[in-house]
């Protein structure tokens, strides 16, 4: 079955960096669209970044220029490099996967149509 396991979260001061990883298994990873969502305390889940099977990427306006999504199709791992972190980036970050939706669904929606999710990893940015 599809499994997505995130790692790399933690606590960092504003301006710092973190790299999240998502290990994928149970499906033909290179053919699927992948992405990251986040949910801050008291707020709804929001799309952060997506990458399709061709390697094309998309980002939420709030993270453009600071976050970089990438995928390793040999190791079946999805990454999110987060630089210049801000306190408002605090939240639980979720890896998501889908075989049907285009990459925009990972950025401009709350992910309600995406079928597969990881358990999440906490990111805390202090000021």
N, C-alpha and C. Protein backbone atom coordinates (compact mmCIF):
# COMPACT_ATOMS: atom_id res chain seq x y z
N UNK A 1 0.83 -1.18 0.00
CA UNK A 1 0.00 0.00 0.00
C UNK A 1 0.88 1.25 0.00
N UNK A 2 0.27 2.36 -0.36
CA UNK A 2 1.00 3.62 -0.42
C UNK A 2 1.41 4.04 0.99
N UNK A 3 2.69 4.37 1.14
CA UNK A 3 3.19 4.88 2.42
C UNK A 3 4.04 6.11 2.15
N UNK A 4 3.81 7.13 2.97
CA UNK A 4 4.58 8.37 2.91
C UNK A 4 5.05 8.68 4.32
N UNK A 5 6.34 8.78 4.51
CA UNK A 5 6.89 8.99 5.85
C UNK A 5 7.78 10.23 5.83
N UNK A 6 7.34 11.26 6.55
CA UNK A 6 8.09 12.51 6.60
C UNK A 6 9.14 12.48 7.70
N UNK A 7 10.17 13.27 7.52
CA UNK A 7 11.19 13.46 8.55
C UNK A 7 11.86 14.82 8.30
N UNK A 8 12.63 15.27 9.28
CA UNK A 8 13.41 16.49 9.12
C UNK A 8 12.85 17.72 9.79
N UNK A 9 11.68 17.60 10.40
CA UNK A 9 11.12 18.75 11.10
C UNK A 9 11.94 19.06 12.35
N UNK A 10 11.63 20.19 12.97
CA UNK A 10 12.32 20.58 14.18
C UNK A 10 12.07 22.03 14.52
N UNK A 11 12.87 22.54 15.41
CA UNK A 11 12.75 23.93 15.86
C UNK A 11 13.95 24.72 15.37
N UNK A 12 13.70 25.93 14.89
CA UNK A 12 14.76 26.76 14.35
C UNK A 12 14.39 28.22 14.58
N UNK A 13 15.38 29.06 14.64
CA UNK A 13 15.12 30.50 14.78
C UNK A 13 14.82 31.10 13.41
N UNK A 14 14.14 32.20 13.44
CA UNK A 14 13.81 32.92 12.21
C UNK A 14 15.09 33.21 11.43
N UNK A 15 14.99 33.00 10.12
CA UNK A 15 16.15 33.17 9.25
C UNK A 15 16.91 31.89 9.00
N UNK A 16 16.60 30.86 9.77
CA UNK A 16 17.29 29.60 9.62
C UNK A 16 16.72 28.73 8.53
N UNK A 17 17.24 27.50 8.44
CA UNK A 17 16.86 26.58 7.37
C UNK A 17 16.55 25.20 7.94
N UNK A 18 15.68 24.48 7.24
CA UNK A 18 15.41 23.08 7.51
C UNK A 18 15.18 22.38 6.17
N UNK A 19 15.47 21.09 6.13
CA UNK A 19 15.14 20.29 4.96
C UNK A 19 14.26 19.13 5.38
N UNK A 20 13.06 19.09 4.83
CA UNK A 20 12.15 18.01 5.07
C UNK A 20 12.34 16.93 4.02
N UNK A 21 12.13 15.68 4.43
CA UNK A 21 12.18 14.55 3.51
C UNK A 21 10.90 13.75 3.63
N UNK A 22 10.53 13.10 2.56
CA UNK A 22 9.36 12.23 2.55
C UNK A 22 9.75 10.96 1.80
N UNK A 23 9.83 9.85 2.51
CA UNK A 23 10.15 8.57 1.90
C UNK A 23 8.87 7.91 1.43
N UNK A 24 8.83 7.58 0.14
CA UNK A 24 7.63 7.03 -0.46
C UNK A 24 7.81 5.56 -0.82
N UNK A 25 6.75 4.79 -0.68
CA UNK A 25 6.80 3.38 -1.05
C UNK A 25 5.40 2.90 -1.38
N UNK A 26 5.34 1.77 -2.08
CA UNK A 26 4.06 1.15 -2.39
C UNK A 26 3.42 1.61 -3.68
N UNK A 27 4.11 2.43 -4.44
CA UNK A 27 3.57 2.88 -5.73
C UNK A 27 4.73 3.28 -6.64
N UNK A 28 4.42 3.50 -7.93
CA UNK A 28 5.44 3.88 -8.90
C UNK A 28 5.72 5.37 -8.76
N UNK A 29 6.59 5.68 -7.84
CA UNK A 29 6.83 7.05 -7.40
C UNK A 29 7.08 8.00 -8.56
N UNK A 30 7.90 7.63 -9.52
CA UNK A 30 8.32 8.58 -10.55
C UNK A 30 7.16 9.03 -11.43
N UNK A 31 6.05 8.32 -11.39
CA UNK A 31 4.91 8.67 -12.25
C UNK A 31 3.86 9.53 -11.54
N UNK A 32 4.05 9.76 -10.25
CA UNK A 32 3.04 10.46 -9.47
C UNK A 32 3.42 11.91 -9.24
N UNK A 33 2.40 12.72 -9.02
CA UNK A 33 2.59 14.10 -8.58
C UNK A 33 2.76 14.09 -7.05
N UNK A 34 3.68 14.92 -6.58
CA UNK A 34 3.99 14.96 -5.16
C UNK A 34 3.96 16.40 -4.66
N UNK A 35 3.73 16.56 -3.36
CA UNK A 35 3.75 17.92 -2.85
C UNK A 35 3.76 17.98 -1.34
N UNK A 36 3.80 19.22 -0.85
CA UNK A 36 3.80 19.49 0.58
C UNK A 36 2.66 20.44 0.94
N UNK A 37 2.00 20.12 2.04
CA UNK A 37 1.00 21.00 2.64
C UNK A 37 1.45 21.31 4.06
N UNK A 38 0.83 22.30 4.66
CA UNK A 38 1.10 22.59 6.06
C UNK A 38 -0.17 23.07 6.75
N UNK A 39 -0.19 22.89 8.05
CA UNK A 39 -1.31 23.36 8.84
C UNK A 39 -0.78 24.02 10.11
N UNK A 40 -1.05 25.30 10.24
CA UNK A 40 -0.65 26.04 11.43
C UNK A 40 -1.73 25.89 12.50
N UNK A 41 -1.37 26.09 13.76
CA UNK A 41 -2.36 25.97 14.84
C UNK A 41 -3.54 26.91 14.62
N UNK A 42 -4.74 26.34 14.67
CA UNK A 42 -5.94 27.15 14.53
C UNK A 42 -6.27 27.57 13.12
N UNK A 43 -5.52 27.08 12.16
CA UNK A 43 -5.75 27.46 10.77
C UNK A 43 -6.02 26.23 9.92
N UNK A 44 -6.57 26.48 8.74
CA UNK A 44 -6.82 25.38 7.81
C UNK A 44 -5.53 24.97 7.10
N UNK A 45 -5.54 23.74 6.62
CA UNK A 45 -4.41 23.25 5.85
C UNK A 45 -4.26 24.08 4.57
N UNK A 46 -3.01 24.31 4.17
CA UNK A 46 -2.76 25.06 2.94
C UNK A 46 -1.66 24.40 2.13
N UNK A 47 -1.74 24.56 0.81
CA UNK A 47 -0.73 24.03 -0.07
C UNK A 47 0.53 24.86 0.00
N UNK A 48 1.68 24.18 -0.10
CA UNK A 48 2.96 24.86 -0.02
C UNK A 48 3.71 24.75 -1.35
N UNK A 49 3.88 23.52 -1.84
CA UNK A 49 4.67 23.32 -3.06
C UNK A 49 4.29 21.99 -3.68
N UNK A 50 4.45 21.90 -4.99
CA UNK A 50 4.18 20.66 -5.70
C UNK A 50 5.19 20.43 -6.81
N UNK A 51 5.37 19.16 -7.17
CA UNK A 51 6.25 18.79 -8.28
C UNK A 51 5.59 17.65 -9.03
N UNK A 52 5.54 17.77 -10.35
CA UNK A 52 4.87 16.71 -11.10
C UNK A 52 5.89 15.67 -11.57
N UNK A 53 5.39 14.68 -12.32
CA UNK A 53 6.25 13.58 -12.73
C UNK A 53 7.32 14.01 -13.73
N UNK A 54 7.14 15.17 -14.36
CA UNK A 54 8.14 15.70 -15.28
C UNK A 54 9.15 16.60 -14.59
N UNK A 55 8.94 16.84 -13.30
CA UNK A 55 9.84 17.71 -12.56
C UNK A 55 9.44 19.17 -12.52
N UNK A 56 8.31 19.51 -13.13
CA UNK A 56 7.82 20.88 -13.07
C UNK A 56 7.31 21.18 -11.66
N UNK A 57 7.61 22.38 -11.19
CA UNK A 57 7.28 22.75 -9.82
C UNK A 57 6.35 23.95 -9.75
N UNK A 58 5.71 24.09 -8.61
CA UNK A 58 4.85 25.24 -8.34
C UNK A 58 4.92 25.51 -6.85
N UNK A 59 4.74 26.79 -6.47
CA UNK A 59 4.87 27.19 -5.09
C UNK A 59 3.76 28.16 -4.70
N UNK A 60 3.40 28.10 -3.44
CA UNK A 60 2.53 29.12 -2.89
C UNK A 60 3.29 30.44 -2.86
N UNK A 61 2.57 31.54 -3.05
CA UNK A 61 3.23 32.85 -3.07
C UNK A 61 3.99 33.12 -1.79
N UNK A 62 3.49 32.62 -0.67
CA UNK A 62 4.10 32.90 0.63
C UNK A 62 5.47 32.27 0.80
N UNK A 63 5.81 31.29 -0.04
CA UNK A 63 7.10 30.60 0.12
C UNK A 63 8.01 30.74 -1.10
N UNK A 64 7.52 31.36 -2.15
CA UNK A 64 8.34 31.52 -3.36
C UNK A 64 9.64 32.25 -3.05
N UNK A 65 10.73 31.71 -3.59
CA UNK A 65 12.03 32.32 -3.36
C UNK A 65 12.71 31.88 -2.07
N UNK A 66 11.97 31.19 -1.21
CA UNK A 66 12.54 30.71 0.06
C UNK A 66 12.56 29.19 0.16
N UNK A 67 11.55 28.54 -0.41
CA UNK A 67 11.43 27.08 -0.34
C UNK A 67 11.74 26.48 -1.72
N UNK A 68 12.31 25.27 -1.71
CA UNK A 68 12.58 24.55 -2.95
C UNK A 68 12.13 23.11 -2.79
N UNK A 69 11.26 22.68 -3.67
CA UNK A 69 10.81 21.29 -3.67
C UNK A 69 11.61 20.53 -4.72
N UNK A 70 11.97 19.29 -4.40
CA UNK A 70 12.69 18.46 -5.36
C UNK A 70 12.36 17.00 -5.08
N UNK A 71 12.66 16.17 -6.07
CA UNK A 71 12.37 14.75 -5.93
C UNK A 71 13.54 13.93 -6.44
N UNK A 72 13.79 12.83 -5.76
CA UNK A 72 14.81 11.85 -6.17
C UNK A 72 14.06 10.60 -6.60
N UNK A 73 13.98 10.41 -7.91
CA UNK A 73 13.20 9.27 -8.42
C UNK A 73 13.94 7.95 -8.32
N UNK A 74 15.23 8.00 -8.02
CA UNK A 74 15.98 6.74 -7.82
C UNK A 74 15.77 6.20 -6.41
N UNK A 75 15.65 7.14 -5.45
CA UNK A 75 15.51 6.74 -4.06
C UNK A 75 14.08 6.88 -3.54
N UNK A 76 13.19 7.37 -4.39
CA UNK A 76 11.78 7.55 -4.00
C UNK A 76 11.65 8.48 -2.79
N UNK A 77 12.32 9.60 -2.86
CA UNK A 77 12.27 10.57 -1.76
C UNK A 77 11.88 11.94 -2.31
N UNK A 78 11.02 12.61 -1.58
CA UNK A 78 10.62 13.98 -1.88
C UNK A 78 11.26 14.88 -0.83
N UNK A 79 11.74 16.05 -1.27
CA UNK A 79 12.39 16.98 -0.36
C UNK A 79 11.68 18.34 -0.38
N UNK A 80 11.83 19.04 0.73
CA UNK A 80 11.44 20.45 0.77
C UNK A 80 12.55 21.19 1.53
N UNK A 81 13.34 21.93 0.79
CA UNK A 81 14.37 22.77 1.39
C UNK A 81 13.74 24.10 1.76
N UNK A 82 13.81 24.44 3.05
CA UNK A 82 13.18 25.66 3.54
C UNK A 82 14.25 26.59 4.08
N UNK A 83 14.42 27.71 3.43
CA UNK A 83 15.39 28.71 3.83
C UNK A 83 14.68 30.00 4.25
N UNK A 84 15.40 30.86 4.92
CA UNK A 84 14.85 32.16 5.38
C UNK A 84 13.52 31.95 6.10
N UNK A 85 13.49 30.99 6.99
CA UNK A 85 12.25 30.65 7.67
C UNK A 85 11.74 31.80 8.52
N UNK A 86 10.42 31.89 8.58
CA UNK A 86 9.73 32.93 9.34
C UNK A 86 8.83 32.27 10.38
N UNK A 87 8.50 32.98 11.44
CA UNK A 87 7.58 32.41 12.44
C UNK A 87 6.26 31.93 11.83
N UNK A 88 5.79 32.60 10.80
CA UNK A 88 4.53 32.20 10.17
C UNK A 88 4.64 30.91 9.36
N UNK A 89 5.85 30.38 9.23
CA UNK A 89 6.02 29.08 8.59
C UNK A 89 5.79 27.93 9.57
N UNK A 90 5.59 28.24 10.82
CA UNK A 90 5.35 27.22 11.85
C UNK A 90 4.09 26.42 11.54
N UNK A 91 4.20 25.11 11.72
CA UNK A 91 3.05 24.24 11.50
C UNK A 91 3.46 22.80 11.32
N UNK A 92 2.47 21.96 11.08
CA UNK A 92 2.74 20.57 10.75
C UNK A 92 2.79 20.48 9.23
N UNK A 93 3.85 19.90 8.72
CA UNK A 93 4.05 19.78 7.28
C UNK A 93 3.75 18.34 6.85
N UNK A 94 2.92 18.23 5.83
CA UNK A 94 2.47 16.93 5.34
C UNK A 94 2.93 16.70 3.91
N UNK A 95 3.41 15.52 3.67
CA UNK A 95 3.73 15.06 2.32
C UNK A 95 2.46 14.48 1.70
N UNK A 96 2.25 14.73 0.43
CA UNK A 96 1.05 14.25 -0.24
C UNK A 96 1.39 13.72 -1.62
N UNK A 97 0.58 12.78 -2.09
CA UNK A 97 0.82 12.16 -3.38
C UNK A 97 -0.49 11.89 -4.10
N UNK A 98 -0.46 12.04 -5.40
CA UNK A 98 -1.64 11.74 -6.20
C UNK A 98 -1.22 11.41 -7.62
N UNK A 99 -1.99 10.54 -8.25
CA UNK A 99 -1.63 10.13 -9.60
C UNK A 99 -2.42 10.87 -10.66
N UNK A 100 -3.47 11.61 -10.24
CA UNK A 100 -4.38 12.18 -11.23
C UNK A 100 -4.30 13.70 -11.35
N UNK A 101 -4.11 14.37 -10.22
CA UNK A 101 -4.24 15.82 -10.18
C UNK A 101 -2.97 16.49 -10.67
N UNK A 102 -3.11 17.67 -11.27
CA UNK A 102 -1.90 18.38 -11.69
C UNK A 102 -1.29 19.11 -10.50
N UNK A 103 -0.10 19.63 -10.70
CA UNK A 103 0.68 20.15 -9.58
C UNK A 103 0.01 21.35 -8.92
N UNK A 104 -0.84 22.04 -9.65
CA UNK A 104 -1.53 23.18 -9.07
C UNK A 104 -2.40 22.82 -7.88
N UNK A 105 -2.91 21.59 -7.86
CA UNK A 105 -3.76 21.15 -6.74
C UNK A 105 -2.98 21.09 -5.43
N UNK A 106 -1.67 20.99 -5.52
CA UNK A 106 -0.84 20.92 -4.32
C UNK A 106 -0.50 22.31 -3.79
N UNK A 107 -0.86 23.34 -4.54
CA UNK A 107 -0.48 24.70 -4.16
C UNK A 107 -1.71 25.58 -3.92
N UNK A 108 -2.73 25.44 -4.75
CA UNK A 108 -3.87 26.36 -4.72
C UNK A 108 -5.12 25.77 -4.09
N UNK A 109 -5.00 24.62 -3.48
CA UNK A 109 -6.15 24.03 -2.79
C UNK A 109 -5.72 23.61 -1.39
N UNK A 110 -6.71 23.12 -0.64
CA UNK A 110 -6.41 22.60 0.69
C UNK A 110 -6.17 21.10 0.65
N UNK A 111 -6.09 20.56 -0.54
CA UNK A 111 -5.75 19.15 -0.69
C UNK A 111 -6.93 18.21 -0.52
N UNK A 112 -8.13 18.74 -0.62
CA UNK A 112 -9.29 17.91 -0.30
C UNK A 112 -9.49 16.76 -1.28
N UNK A 113 -8.90 16.84 -2.48
CA UNK A 113 -9.07 15.77 -3.46
C UNK A 113 -7.84 14.85 -3.54
N UNK A 114 -6.84 15.12 -2.74
CA UNK A 114 -5.62 14.32 -2.77
C UNK A 114 -5.81 13.10 -1.89
N UNK A 115 -5.41 11.95 -2.42
CA UNK A 115 -5.76 10.69 -1.77
C UNK A 115 -4.78 10.20 -0.73
N UNK A 116 -3.51 10.54 -0.85
CA UNK A 116 -2.52 9.91 0.00
C UNK A 116 -1.69 10.94 0.75
N UNK A 117 -1.54 10.67 2.06
CA UNK A 117 -0.90 11.63 2.96
C UNK A 117 0.06 10.93 3.91
N UNK A 118 1.10 11.66 4.29
CA UNK A 118 1.95 11.20 5.37
C UNK A 118 1.37 11.61 6.71
N UNK A 119 2.10 11.26 7.77
CA UNK A 119 1.60 11.52 9.12
C UNK A 119 1.93 12.93 9.60
N UNK A 120 2.85 13.60 8.92
CA UNK A 120 3.19 14.97 9.26
C UNK A 120 4.45 15.08 10.10
N UNK A 121 5.11 16.22 9.97
CA UNK A 121 6.28 16.51 10.78
C UNK A 121 6.20 17.98 11.23
N UNK A 122 6.51 18.22 12.50
CA UNK A 122 6.35 19.54 13.08
C UNK A 122 7.53 20.45 12.74
N UNK A 123 7.22 21.66 12.31
CA UNK A 123 8.22 22.71 12.09
C UNK A 123 7.85 23.89 12.97
N UNK A 124 8.79 24.33 13.80
CA UNK A 124 8.56 25.46 14.68
C UNK A 124 9.64 26.50 14.44
N UNK A 125 9.22 27.72 14.11
CA UNK A 125 10.16 28.81 13.85
C UNK A 125 9.93 29.88 14.90
N UNK A 126 10.94 30.17 15.68
CA UNK A 126 10.82 31.17 16.74
C UNK A 126 11.44 32.49 16.28
N UNK A 127 10.87 33.57 16.82
CA UNK A 127 11.34 34.90 16.43
C UNK A 127 12.51 35.36 17.29
